[in-house]
C-alpha atoms as a PDB file:
ATOM      1  CA  UNK A   1      26.157   2.799 -12.533  1.00  0.00           C
ATOM      2  CA  UNK A   2      24.223   0.279 -14.629  1.00  0.00           C
ATOM      3  CA  UNK A   3      25.948  -2.614 -12.856  1.00  0.00           C
ATOM      4  CA  UNK A   4      24.796  -1.165  -9.567  1.00  0.00           C
ATOM      5  CA  UNK A   5      21.241  -0.957 -10.883  1.00  0.00           C
ATOM      6  CA  UNK A   6      21.384  -4.614 -11.865  1.00  0.00           C
ATOM      7  CA  UNK A   7      22.666  -5.480  -8.404  1.00  0.00           C
ATOM      8  CA  UNK A   8      19.983  -3.334  -6.781  1.00  0.00           C
ATOM      9  CA  UNK A   9      17.210  -4.873  -8.865  1.00  0.00           C
ATOM     10  CA  UNK A  10      18.335  -8.387  -7.993  1.00  0.00           C
ATOM     11  CA  UNK A  11      18.737  -7.461  -4.312  1.00  0.00           C
ATOM     12  CA  UNK A  12      15.246  -5.998  -4.049  1.00  0.00           C
ATOM     13  CA  UNK A  13      13.682  -8.806  -6.087  1.00  0.00           C
ATOM     14  CA  UNK A  14      15.149 -11.466  -3.824  1.00  0.00           C
ATOM     15  CA  UNK A  15      13.407  -9.929  -0.813  1.00  0.00           C
ATOM     16  CA  UNK A  16      10.081  -9.610  -2.620  1.00  0.00           C
ATOM     17  CA  UNK A  17      10.198 -13.213  -3.777  1.00  0.00           C
ATOM     18  CA  UNK A  18      11.265 -14.475  -0.367  1.00  0.00           C
ATOM     19  CA  UNK A  19       8.457 -12.613   1.383  1.00  0.00           C
ATOM     20  CA  UNK A  20       5.664 -13.190  -1.099  1.00  0.00           C
ATOM     21  CA  UNK A  21       6.739 -16.136  -3.281  1.00  0.00           C
ATOM     22  CA  UNK A  22       5.979 -14.274  -6.482  1.00  0.00           C
ATOM     23  CA  UNK A  23       7.829 -13.092  -9.539  1.00  0.00           C
ATOM     24  CA  UNK A  24       8.526  -9.386  -9.525  1.00  0.00           C
ATOM     25  CA  UNK A  25       7.732  -7.322 -12.595  1.00  0.00           C
ATOM     26  CA  UNK A  26      11.197  -5.737 -12.385  1.00  0.00           C
ATOM     27  CA  UNK A  27      14.000  -8.147 -13.202  1.00  0.00           C
ATOM     28  CA  UNK A  28      16.431  -6.069 -15.246  1.00  0.00           C
ATOM     29  CA  UNK A  29      18.468  -2.895 -14.908  1.00  0.00           C
ATOM     30  CA  UNK A  30      16.280  -1.237 -17.533  1.00  0.00           C
ATOM     31  CA  UNK A  31      13.115  -1.948 -15.557  1.00  0.00           C
ATOM     32  CA  UNK A  32      14.718  -0.729 -12.335  1.00  0.00           C
ATOM     33  CA  UNK A  33      15.915   2.381 -14.154  1.00  0.00           C
ATOM     34  CA  UNK A  34      12.371   3.159 -15.343  1.00  0.00           C
ATOM     35  CA  UNK A  35      11.119   2.820 -11.774  1.00  0.00           C
ATOM     36  CA  UNK A  36      13.752   5.222 -10.421  1.00  0.00           C
ATOM     37  CA  UNK A  37      13.159   7.706 -13.236  1.00  0.00           C
ATOM     38  CA  UNK A  38       9.420   7.516 -12.543  1.00  0.00           C
ATOM     39  CA  UNK A  39      10.098   8.634  -8.979  1.00  0.00           C
ATOM     40  CA  UNK A  40      12.630  11.311  -9.936  1.00  0.00           C
ATOM     41  CA  UNK A  41      10.481  12.866 -12.662  1.00  0.00           C
ATOM     42  CA  UNK A  42       7.591  13.668 -10.324  1.00  0.00           C
ATOM     43  CA  UNK A  43       7.092  17.182  -8.994  1.00  0.00           C
ATOM     44  CA  UNK A  44       8.714  18.598  -5.850  1.00  0.00           C
ATOM     45  CA  UNK A  45      11.335  15.880  -5.405  1.00  0.00           C
ATOM     46  CA  UNK A  46      14.729  16.135  -3.760  1.00  0.00           C
ATOM     47  CA  UNK A  47      17.360  13.464  -3.510  1.00  0.00           C
ATOM     48  CA  UNK A  48      20.737  12.498  -2.165  1.00  0.00           C
ATOM     49  CA  UNK A  49      23.299   9.938  -3.335  1.00  0.00           C
ATOM     50  CA  UNK A  50      25.980   8.126  -1.359  1.00  0.00           C
ATOM     51  CA  UNK A  51      29.338   7.238  -2.922  1.00  0.00           C
ATOM     52  CA  UNK A  52      32.204   5.081  -1.759  1.00  0.00           C
ATOM     53  CA  UNK A  53      35.138   6.599  -3.580  1.00  0.00           C
ATOM     54  CA  UNK A  54      33.551   7.130  -7.020  1.00  0.00           C
ATOM     55  CA  UNK A  55      31.088   4.242  -6.779  1.00  0.00           C
ATOM     56  CA  UNK A  56      27.366   4.805  -6.110  1.00  0.00           C
ATOM     57  CA  UNK A  57      26.321   2.770  -3.060  1.00  0.00           C
ATOM     58  CA  UNK A  58      22.974   4.321  -2.120  1.00  0.00           C
ATOM     59  CA  UNK A  59      20.356   6.946  -2.860  1.00  0.00           C
ATOM     60  CA  UNK A  60      17.281   8.480  -1.224  1.00  0.00           C
ATOM     61  CA  UNK A  61      14.566  10.455  -3.041  1.00  0.00           C
ATOM     62  CA  UNK A  62      11.738  12.254  -1.245  1.00  0.00           C
ATOM     63  CA  UNK A  63       8.655  13.960  -2.686  1.00  0.00           C
ATOM     64  CA  UNK A  64       7.144  16.976  -0.918  1.00  0.00           C
ATOM     65  CA  UNK A  65       3.347  17.012  -0.838  1.00  0.00           C
ATOM     66  CA  UNK A  66       0.583  18.877   0.974  1.00  0.00           C
ATOM     67  CA  UNK A  67      -2.927  17.574   1.507  1.00  0.00           C
ATOM     68  CA  UNK A  68      -5.762  17.627   4.020  1.00  0.00           C
ATOM     69  CA  UNK A  69      -5.141  14.185   5.469  1.00  0.00           C
ATOM     70  CA  UNK A  70      -1.384  14.418   6.086  1.00  0.00           C
ATOM     71  CA  UNK A  71      -0.664  18.132   5.981  1.00  0.00           C
ATOM     72  CA  UNK A  72       2.750  19.043   4.570  1.00  0.00           C
ATOM     73  CA  UNK A  73       4.715  15.809   4.297  1.00  0.00           C
ATOM     74  CA  UNK A  74       7.461  13.980   2.415  1.00  0.00           C
ATOM     75  CA  UNK A  75       6.938  10.662   0.668  1.00  0.00           C
ATOM     76  CA  UNK A  76       9.701   8.150  -0.137  1.00  0.00           C
ATOM     77  CA  UNK A  77       8.342   5.729  -2.742  1.00  0.00           C
ATOM     78  CA  UNK A  78       9.161   2.027  -2.853  1.00  0.00           C
ATOM     79  CA  UNK A  79      11.728   2.718  -5.575  1.00  0.00           C
ATOM     80  CA  UNK A  80      12.808   5.927  -3.835  1.00  0.00           C
ATOM     81  CA  UNK A  81      15.527   4.461  -1.631  1.00  0.00           C
ATOM     82  CA  UNK A  82      18.076   1.662  -1.949  1.00  0.00           C
ATOM     83  CA  UNK A  83      21.574   0.713  -0.929  1.00  0.00           C
ATOM     84  CA  UNK A  84      24.005  -1.624  -2.633  1.00  0.00           C
ATOM     85  CA  UNK A  85      24.217  -5.223  -1.488  1.00  0.00           C
ATOM     86  CA  UNK A  86      26.679  -5.584   1.364  1.00  0.00           C
ATOM     87  CA  UNK A  87      26.212  -2.042   2.658  1.00  0.00           C
ATOM     88  CA  UNK A  88      25.082  -1.517   6.254  1.00  0.00           C
ATOM     89  CA  UNK A  89      21.570  -0.248   6.945  1.00  0.00           C
ATOM     90  CA  UNK A  90      23.322   2.610   8.749  1.00  0.00           C
ATOM     91  CA  UNK A  91      23.611   4.126   5.295  1.00  0.00           C
ATOM     92  CA  UNK A  92      19.835   4.743   5.277  1.00  0.00           C
ATOM     93  CA  UNK A  93      20.199   6.583   8.576  1.00  0.00           C
ATOM     94  CA  UNK A  94      23.093   8.668   7.300  1.00  0.00           C
ATOM     95  CA  UNK A  95      21.323   9.617   4.061  1.00  0.00           C
ATOM     96  CA  UNK A  96      18.145  10.533   5.949  1.00  0.00           C
ATOM     97  CA  UNK A  97      20.102  12.662   8.412  1.00  0.00           C
ATOM     98  CA  UNK A  98      21.720  14.494   5.511  1.00  0.00           C
ATOM     99  CA  UNK A  99      18.558  15.321   3.588  1.00  0.00           C
ATOM    100  CA  UNK A 100      15.665  15.422   6.084  1.00  0.00           C
ATOM    101  CA  UNK A 101      16.758  18.806   7.463  1.00  0.00           C
ATOM    102  CA  UNK A 102      15.737  20.282   4.110  1.00  0.00           C
ATOM    103  CA  UNK A 103      12.339  18.592   4.378  1.00  0.00           C
ATOM    104  CA  UNK A 104      11.758  20.032   7.842  1.00  0.00           C
ATOM    105  CA  UNK A 105      12.966  23.458   6.730  1.00  0.00           C
ATOM    106  CA  UNK A 106      10.262  23.338   4.060  1.00  0.00           C
ATOM    107  CA  UNK A 107       7.594  22.710   6.691  1.00  0.00           C
ATOM    108  CA  UNK A 108       7.379  18.940   6.187  1.00  0.00           C
ATOM    109  CA  UNK A 109       6.912  17.334   9.607  1.00  0.00           C
ATOM    110  CA  UNK A 110       5.554  13.953   8.496  1.00  0.00           C
ATOM    111  CA  UNK A 111       7.877  11.593   6.655  1.00  0.00           C
ATOM    112  CA  UNK A 112       6.695   8.394   4.971  1.00  0.00           C
ATOM    113  CA  UNK A 113       8.822   5.608   3.514  1.00  0.00           C
ATOM    114  CA  UNK A 114       7.879   2.352   1.769  1.00  0.00           C
ATOM    115  CA  UNK A 115      10.235  -0.515   2.638  1.00  0.00           C
ATOM    116  CA  UNK A 116      10.395  -4.173   1.472  1.00  0.00           C
ATOM    117  CA  UNK A 117       9.154  -6.316   4.361  1.00  0.00           C
ATOM    118  CA  UNK A 118      11.787  -8.960   3.615  1.00  0.00           C
ATOM    119  CA  UNK A 119      14.650  -6.501   4.067  1.00  0.00           C
ATOM    120  CA  UNK A 120      14.890  -6.773   7.833  1.00  0.00           C
ATOM    121  CA  UNK A 121      18.064  -4.672   7.992  1.00  0.00           C
ATOM    122  CA  UNK A 122      16.439  -1.788   6.108  1.00  0.00           C
ATOM    123  CA  UNK A 123      13.296  -1.951   8.257  1.00  0.00           C
ATOM    124  CA  UNK A 124      15.468  -1.913  11.383  1.00  0.00           C
ATOM    125  CA  UNK A 125      17.451   1.071  10.097  1.00  0.00           C
ATOM    126  CA  UNK A 126      14.300   3.125   9.539  1.00  0.00           C
ATOM    127  CA  UNK A 127      12.764   2.077  12.865  1.00  0.00           C
ATOM    128  CA  UNK A 128      15.920   3.240  14.617  1.00  0.00           C
ATOM    129  CA  UNK A 129      15.354   6.645  13.034  1.00  0.00           C
ATOM    130  CA  UNK A 130      12.083   6.986  14.941  1.00  0.00           C
ATOM    131  CA  UNK A 131       9.820   5.658  12.188  1.00  0.00           C
ATOM    132  CA  UNK A 132       6.899   3.377  13.047  1.00  0.00           C
ATOM    133  CA  UNK A 133       4.720   0.911  11.166  1.00  0.00           C
ATOM    134  CA  UNK A 134       1.592   2.373   9.574  1.00  0.00           C
ATOM    135  CA  UNK A 135       0.453   0.311   6.560  1.00  0.00           C
ATOM    136  CA  UNK A 136       0.935  -3.293   5.462  1.00  0.00           C
ATOM    137  CA  UNK A 137       1.101  -4.105   1.732  1.00  0.00           C
ATOM    138  CA  UNK A 138       0.510  -7.780   0.993  1.00  0.00           C
ATOM    139  CA  UNK A 139       0.156 -10.154  -1.943  1.00  0.00           C
ATOM    140  CA  UNK A 140      -0.898 -13.662  -2.766  1.00  0.00           C
ATOM    141  CA  UNK A 141      -0.601 -15.885  -5.781  1.00  0.00           C
ATOM    142  CA  UNK A 142      -4.149 -16.472  -6.998  1.00  0.00           C
ATOM    143  CA  UNK A 143      -5.155 -20.138  -6.502  1.00  0.00           C
ATOM    144  CA  UNK A 144      -5.182 -22.133  -9.720  1.00  0.00           C
ATOM    145  CA  UNK A 145      -8.415 -23.949  -8.878  1.00  0.00           C
ATOM    146  CA  UNK A 146     -11.918 -22.686  -8.211  1.00  0.00           C
ATOM    147  CA  UNK A 147     -12.633 -22.138  -4.529  1.00  0.00           C
ATOM    148  CA  UNK A 148     -15.704 -23.419  -2.616  1.00  0.00           C
ATOM    149  CA  UNK A 149     -18.954 -21.470  -2.723  1.00  0.00           C
ATOM    150  CA  UNK A 150     -20.419 -19.735   0.329  1.00  0.00           C
ATOM    151  CA  UNK A 151     -22.403 -22.185   2.432  1.00  0.00           C
ATOM    152  CA  UNK A 152     -25.416 -19.967   3.285  1.00  0.00           C
ATOM    153  CA  UNK A 153     -27.910 -20.214   0.383  1.00  0.00           C
ATOM    154  CA  UNK A 154     -29.749 -17.124   1.628  1.00  0.00           C
ATOM    155  CA  UNK A 155     -26.709 -14.940   0.899  1.00  0.00           C
ATOM    156  CA  UNK A 156     -25.987 -14.243  -2.750  1.00  0.00           C
ATOM    157  CA  UNK A 157     -22.631 -12.956  -3.932  1.00  0.00           C
ATOM    158  CA  UNK A 158     -22.835 -10.974  -7.167  1.00  0.00           C
ATOM    159  CA  UNK A 159     -21.450  -7.990  -9.013  1.00  0.00           C
ATOM    160  CA  UNK A 160     -23.027  -4.672  -8.063  1.00  0.00           C
ATOM    161  CA  UNK A 161     -25.113  -2.857 -10.650  1.00  0.00           C
ATOM    162  CA  UNK A 162     -26.685   0.596 -11.042  1.00  0.00           C
ATOM    163  CA  UNK A 163     -29.647  -0.486  -8.911  1.00  0.00           C
ATOM    164  CA  UNK A 164     -27.267  -0.919  -5.959  1.00  0.00           C
ATOM    165  CA  UNK A 165     -26.076   2.684  -5.971  1.00  0.00           C
ATOM    166  CA  UNK A 166     -28.195   3.855  -2.967  1.00  0.00           C
ATOM    167  CA  UNK A 167     -27.115   0.867  -0.846  1.00  0.00           C
ATOM    168  CA  UNK A 168     -23.464   1.246  -1.868  1.00  0.00           C
ATOM    169  CA  UNK A 169     -23.509   4.920  -0.916  1.00  0.00           C
ATOM    170  CA  UNK A 170     -24.817   3.883   2.499  1.00  0.00           C
ATOM    171  CA  UNK A 171     -22.024   1.368   3.184  1.00  0.00           C
ATOM    172  CA  UNK A 172     -19.201   3.335   1.535  1.00  0.00           C
ATOM    173  CA  UNK A 173     -18.171   4.972   4.807  1.00  0.00           C
ATOM    174  CA  UNK A 174     -17.808   1.732   6.792  1.00  0.00           C
ATOM    175  CA  UNK A 175     -14.018   1.677   6.526  1.00  0.00           C
ATOM    176  CA  UNK A 176     -13.438   5.333   7.377  1.00  0.00           C
ATOM    177  CA  UNK A 177     -15.788   5.090  10.366  1.00  0.00           C
ATOM    178  CA  UNK A 178     -14.151   1.888  11.611  1.00  0.00           C
ATOM    179  CA  UNK A 179     -10.631   3.283  11.341  1.00  0.00           C
ATOM    180  CA  UNK A 180     -11.611   6.428  13.217  1.00  0.00           C
ATOM    181  CA  UNK A 181     -12.008   4.209  16.286  1.00  0.00           C
ATOM    182  CA  UNK A 182      -9.506   2.453  18.552  1.00  0.00           C
ATOM    183  CA  UNK A 183      -6.750   1.569  18.099  1.00  0.00           C
ATOM    184  CA  UNK A 184      -6.244   3.113  14.633  1.00  0.00           C
ATOM    185  CA  UNK A 185      -7.659   6.571  15.378  1.00  0.00           C
ATOM    186  CA  UNK A 186      -7.269   7.716  11.766  1.00  0.00           C
ATOM    187  CA  UNK A 187      -9.074  11.061  11.427  1.00  0.00           C
ATOM    188  CA  UNK A 188     -12.227  10.768   9.306  1.00  0.00           C
ATOM    189  CA  UNK A 189     -13.761  14.063   8.258  1.00  0.00           C
ATOM    190  CA  UNK A 190     -17.546  14.169   8.031  1.00  0.00           C
ATOM    191  CA  UNK A 191     -17.392  16.546   5.092  1.00  0.00           C
ATOM    192  CA  UNK A 192     -15.553  13.863   3.090  1.00  0.00           C
ATOM    193  CA  UNK A 193     -18.418  11.378   3.218  1.00  0.00           C
ATOM    194  CA  UNK A 194     -19.839  12.517  -0.115  1.00  0.00           C
ATOM    195  CA  UNK A 195     -16.421  12.084  -1.764  1.00  0.00           C
ATOM    196  CA  UNK A 196     -16.168   8.505  -0.521  1.00  0.00           C
ATOM    197  CA  UNK A 197     -19.703   7.749  -1.643  1.00  0.00           C
ATOM    198  CA  UNK A 198     -19.045   9.078  -5.128  1.00  0.00           C
ATOM    199  CA  UNK A 199     -15.791   7.141  -5.365  1.00  0.00           C
ATOM    200  CA  UNK A 200     -17.531   3.858  -4.594  1.00  0.00           C
ATOM    201  CA  UNK A 201     -20.264   4.574  -7.139  1.00  0.00           C
ATOM    202  CA  UNK A 202     -17.590   5.221  -9.759  1.00  0.00           C
ATOM    203  CA  UNK A 203     -16.100   1.798  -9.004  1.00  0.00           C
ATOM    204  CA  UNK A 204     -19.450   0.218  -9.865  1.00  0.00           C
ATOM    205  CA  UNK A 205     -19.380   2.033 -13.204  1.00  0.00           C
ATOM    206  CA  UNK A 206     -15.696   1.334 -13.949  1.00  0.00           C
ATOM    207  CA  UNK A 207     -15.503  -1.365 -16.665  1.00  0.00           C
ATOM    208  CA  UNK A 208     -12.085  -2.520 -15.407  1.00  0.00           C
ATOM    209  CA  UNK A 209     -13.297  -2.984 -11.813  1.00  0.00           C
ATOM    210  CA  UNK A 210     -15.243  -5.800 -10.189  1.00  0.00           C
ATOM    211  CA  UNK A 211     -17.391  -4.575  -7.297  1.00  0.00           C
ATOM    212  CA  UNK A 212     -18.666  -7.650  -5.479  1.00  0.00           C
ATOM    213  CA  UNK A 213     -21.476  -7.498  -2.936  1.00  0.00           C
ATOM    214  CA  UNK A 214     -22.875 -10.119  -0.588  1.00  0.00           C
ATOM    215  CA  UNK A 215     -26.610  -9.593  -0.264  1.00  0.00           C
ATOM    216  CA  UNK A 216     -29.470 -11.201   1.623  1.00  0.00           C
ATOM    217  CA  UNK A 217     -32.494 -10.344  -0.497  1.00  0.00           C
ATOM    218  CA  UNK A 218     -31.997  -6.598  -1.093  1.00  0.00           C
ATOM    219  CA  UNK A 219     -29.777  -5.938   1.927  1.00  0.00           C
ATOM    220  CA  UNK A 220     -26.034  -5.613   1.252  1.00  0.00           C
ATOM    221  CA  UNK A 221     -24.029  -7.291   4.017  1.00  0.00           C
ATOM    222  CA  UNK A 222     -20.541  -6.752   2.632  1.00  0.00           C
ATOM    223  CA  UNK A 223     -18.535  -5.679  -0.392  1.00  0.00           C
ATOM    224  CA  UNK A 224     -15.087  -5.940  -1.994  1.00  0.00           C
ATOM    225  CA  UNK A 225     -13.749  -4.134  -5.055  1.00  0.00           C
ATOM    226  CA  UNK A 226     -11.004  -5.512  -7.313  1.00  0.00           C
ATOM    227  CA  UNK A 227      -9.298  -3.461 -10.033  1.00  0.00           C
ATOM    228  CA  UNK A 228      -5.945  -3.241 -11.870  1.00  0.00           C
ATOM    229  CA  UNK A 229      -3.462  -0.921 -10.084  1.00  0.00           C
ATOM    230  CA  UNK A 230      -2.299   2.311 -11.695  1.00  0.00           C
ATOM    231  CA  UNK A 231       1.259   2.813 -12.980  1.00  0.00           C
ATOM    232  CA  UNK A 232       1.976  -0.907 -13.102  1.00  0.00           C
ATOM    233  CA  UNK A 233       4.694  -0.362 -15.710  1.00  0.00           C
ATOM    234  CA  UNK A 234       6.883   1.828 -13.476  1.00  0.00           C
ATOM    235  CA  UNK A 235       5.836   1.252  -9.861  1.00  0.00           C
ATOM    236  CA  UNK A 236       8.050  -1.381  -8.235  1.00  0.00           C
ATOM    237  CA  UNK A 237       5.521  -1.905  -5.471  1.00  0.00           C
ATOM    238  CA  UNK A 238       3.360  -4.017  -7.741  1.00  0.00           C
ATOM    239  CA  UNK A 239       4.179  -7.577  -8.821  1.00  0.00           C
ATOM    240  CA  UNK A 240       3.587  -8.641 -12.387  1.00  0.00           C
ATOM    241  CA  UNK A 241       0.116  -9.641 -13.625  1.00  0.00           C
ATOM    242  CA  UNK A 242      -1.685  -8.388 -10.540  1.00  0.00           C
ATOM    243  CA  UNK A 243      -5.084  -7.109  -9.545  1.00  0.00           C
ATOM    244  CA  UNK A 244      -5.697  -4.931  -6.495  1.00  0.00           C
ATOM    245  CA  UNK A 245      -8.246  -5.728  -3.802  1.00  0.00           C
ATOM    246  CA  UNK A 246      -8.691  -2.043  -3.085  1.00  0.00           C
ATOM    247  CA  UNK A 247     -11.584  -1.805  -0.615  1.00  0.00           C
ATOM    248  CA  UNK A 248     -13.641  -4.274   1.338  1.00  0.00           C
ATOM    249  CA  UNK A 249     -15.806  -4.396   4.450  1.00  0.00           C
ATOM    250  CA  UNK A 250     -18.664  -6.257   6.092  1.00  0.00           C
ATOM    251  CA  UNK A 251     -21.461  -4.544   8.027  1.00  0.00           C
ATOM    252  CA  UNK A 252     -20.922  -4.959  11.796  1.00  0.00           C
ATOM    253  CA  UNK A 253     -23.993  -7.131  12.387  1.00  0.00           C
ATOM    254  CA  UNK A 254     -22.900  -9.645   9.710  1.00  0.00           C
ATOM    255  CA  UNK A 255     -19.272 -10.072  10.742  1.00  0.00           C
ATOM    256  CA  UNK A 256     -17.992 -13.466  11.807  1.00  0.00           C
ATOM    257  CA  UNK A 257     -20.240 -15.351   9.360  1.00  0.00           C
ATOM    258  CA  UNK A 258     -17.680 -15.976   6.630  1.00  0.00           C
ATOM    259  CA  UNK A 259     -19.002 -13.287   4.290  1.00  0.00           C
ATOM    260  CA  UNK A 260     -15.669 -11.522   3.879  1.00  0.00           C
ATOM    261  CA  UNK A 261     -13.879 -14.788   3.086  1.00  0.00           C
ATOM    262  CA  UNK A 262     -16.546 -15.699   0.528  1.00  0.00           C
ATOM    263  CA  UNK A 263     -16.135 -12.331  -1.188  1.00  0.00           C
ATOM    264  CA  UNK A 264     -12.369 -12.858  -1.403  1.00  0.00           C
ATOM    265  CA  UNK A 265     -12.901 -16.279  -3.008  1.00  0.00           C
ATOM    266  CA  UNK A 266     -15.304 -14.892  -5.610  1.00  0.00           C
ATOM    267  CA  UNK A 267     -12.969 -12.033  -6.406  1.00  0.00           C
ATOM    268  CA  UNK A 268      -9.958 -14.306  -6.818  1.00  0.00           C
ATOM    269  CA  UNK A 269     -11.905 -16.767  -8.952  1.00  0.00           C
ATOM    270  CA  UNK A 270     -12.907 -13.983 -11.332  1.00  0.00           C
ATOM    271  CA  UNK A 271      -9.364 -12.569 -11.374  1.00  0.00           C
ATOM    272  CA  UNK A 272      -7.962 -16.013 -12.226  1.00  0.00           C
ATOM    273  CA  UNK A 273     -10.419 -16.404 -15.109  1.00  0.00           C
ATOM    274  CA  UNK A 274      -9.396 -12.973 -16.365  1.00  0.00           C
ATOM    275  CA  UNK A 275      -5.760 -14.098 -16.483  1.00  0.00           C
ATOM    276  CA  UNK A 276      -4.345 -12.407 -13.368  1.00  0.00           C
ATOM    277  CA  UNK A 277      -1.639 -14.235 -11.421  1.00  0.00           C
ATOM    278  CA  UNK A 278      -1.315 -12.153  -8.243  1.00  0.00           C
ATOM    279  CA  UNK A 279      -3.611 -10.134  -6.004  1.00  0.00           C
ATOM    280  CA  UNK A 280      -2.483  -7.323  -3.703  1.00  0.00           C
ATOM    281  CA  UNK A 281      -4.181  -5.758  -0.693  1.00  0.00           C
ATOM    282  CA  UNK A 282      -3.192  -3.376   2.090  1.00  0.00           C
ATOM    283  CA  UNK A 283      -4.366  -2.447   5.558  1.00  0.00           C
ATOM    284  CA  UNK A 284      -3.417  -0.376   8.601  1.00  0.00           C
ATOM    285  CA  UNK A 285      -1.055  -2.186  10.948  1.00  0.00           C
ATOM    286  CA  UNK A 286      -3.091  -0.887  13.911  1.00  0.00           C
ATOM    287  CA  UNK A 287      -6.377  -2.208  12.484  1.00  0.00           C
ATOM    288  CA  UNK A 288      -6.649  -5.293  14.668  1.00  0.00           C
ATOM    289  CA  UNK A 289      -9.483  -6.938  12.723  1.00  0.00           C
ATOM    290  CA  UNK A 290      -7.867  -6.363   9.327  1.00  0.00           C
ATOM    291  CA  UNK A 291      -4.508  -7.609  10.605  1.00  0.00           C
ATOM    292  CA  UNK A 292      -6.166 -10.910  11.516  1.00  0.00           C
ATOM    293  CA  UNK A 293      -8.490 -11.237   8.519  1.00  0.00           C
ATOM    294  CA  UNK A 294      -6.307 -10.599   5.476  1.00  0.00           C
ATOM    295  CA  UNK A 295      -3.440 -12.978   6.358  1.00  0.00           C
ATOM    296  CA  UNK A 296      -6.065 -15.695   6.946  1.00  0.00           C
ATOM    297  CA  UNK A 297      -7.193 -15.124   3.359  1.00  0.00           C
ATOM    298  CA  UNK A 298      -3.702 -15.940   2.077  1.00  0.00           C
ATOM    299  CA  UNK A 299      -2.134 -12.471   1.876  1.00  0.00           C
ATOM    300  CA  UNK A 300       1.552 -12.249   2.820  1.00  0.00           C
ATOM    301  CA  UNK A 301       3.214  -8.872   3.582  1.00  0.00           C
ATOM    302  CA  UNK A 302       5.808  -7.748   1.049  1.00  0.00           C
ATOM    303  CA  UNK A 303       6.161  -4.069   1.993  1.00  0.00           C
ATOM    304  CA  UNK A 304       5.542  -1.760   4.924  1.00  0.00           C
ATOM    305  CA  UNK A 305       4.741   1.911   4.972  1.00  0.00           C
ATOM    306  CA  UNK A 306       6.597   3.519   7.848  1.00  0.00           C
ATOM    307  CA  UNK A 307       5.973   7.012   9.185  1.00  0.00           C
ATOM    308  CA  UNK A 308       7.764   9.487  11.416  1.00  0.00           C
ATOM    309  CA  UNK A 309       6.103  12.514  12.983  1.00  0.00           C
ATOM    310  CA  UNK A 310       8.546  15.334  13.670  1.00  0.00           C
ATOM    311  CA  UNK A 311       7.483  17.738  16.414  1.00  0.00           C
ATOM    312  CA  UNK A 312       6.624  20.924  14.442  1.00  0.00           C
ATOM    313  CA  UNK A 313       7.837  23.100  17.317  1.00  0.00           C
ATOM    314  CA  UNK A 314      11.342  22.379  16.057  1.00  0.00           C
ATOM    315  CA  UNK A 315      10.683  25.138  13.518  1.00  0.00           C
ATOM    316  CA  UNK A 316      11.266  27.661  16.310  1.00  0.00           C
ATOM    317  CA  UNK A 317      12.371  25.740  19.411  1.00  0.00           C
ATOM    318  CA  UNK A 318      16.056  25.445  18.540  1.00  0.00           C
ATOM    319  CA  UNK A 319      17.424  26.045  22.025  1.00  0.00           C
ATOM    320  CA  UNK A 320      18.886  29.416  21.116  1.00  0.00           C
ATOM    321  CA  UNK A 321      18.288  32.482  23.267  1.00  0.00           C
END
């Protein structure tokens, strides 16, 4: 079993390094084991293992959750599924077929899985199960040298302070409003606006976060927040020594002026001075603007979140009289 974990860790690491040119935080069987245990020890999980004779060759762990945004759904974490090197991606399909009936029987009609972008066979296996791309997770190695300053002297890039709270509350819904439109069409509930506003204000107050704003006089034109990710010690989705570019947007009337790129440069410069090596970011695959912008800023995909929507009528429409 431990030999298989070593093989699995090396197999997954090779794809991460090939896709993102970084050093993964999980290089040993012990680190891989902690990641798997971190998934298994969460609430409402179910799993399946595949054996060839008496040898473990694959596993799949899903976590049942219920929330407002996704309803009743099952989540397969980045460390929640793997097959041994040399196995066909058909094994993912077979394991899913064996366990997903239980998920559906429990009222879970949305299934999410996080897959290494460099593992083309695994991605293909999940796509052939009816999954589709939803989210891109990307990374870049932080440049070792200071980047150029923004050319427009009238725009100042600085860290937000308590005096910016009213303006930050005003712009905190930019992302949710943008993604409610075409072609993302991600539902954005008006009653959640206050929650988003409070979350952004808390980022300003968080001593571990850097909330950068680009302002012309007192008007905020754009923002980006950088902070260390949670669960870095067990979550295999995160590379070592990384900071997360968690949220960022530019007001519509200021887009196309280089403000977003300047905010990225300031954030990476500060992260480098603080000793971080990598920076991660994520965006919706269907967000056309984000899909153009973030790769131009040096971010390379290393994982995809895939989703499958199961028709809920299957709960009663079984073809029987």
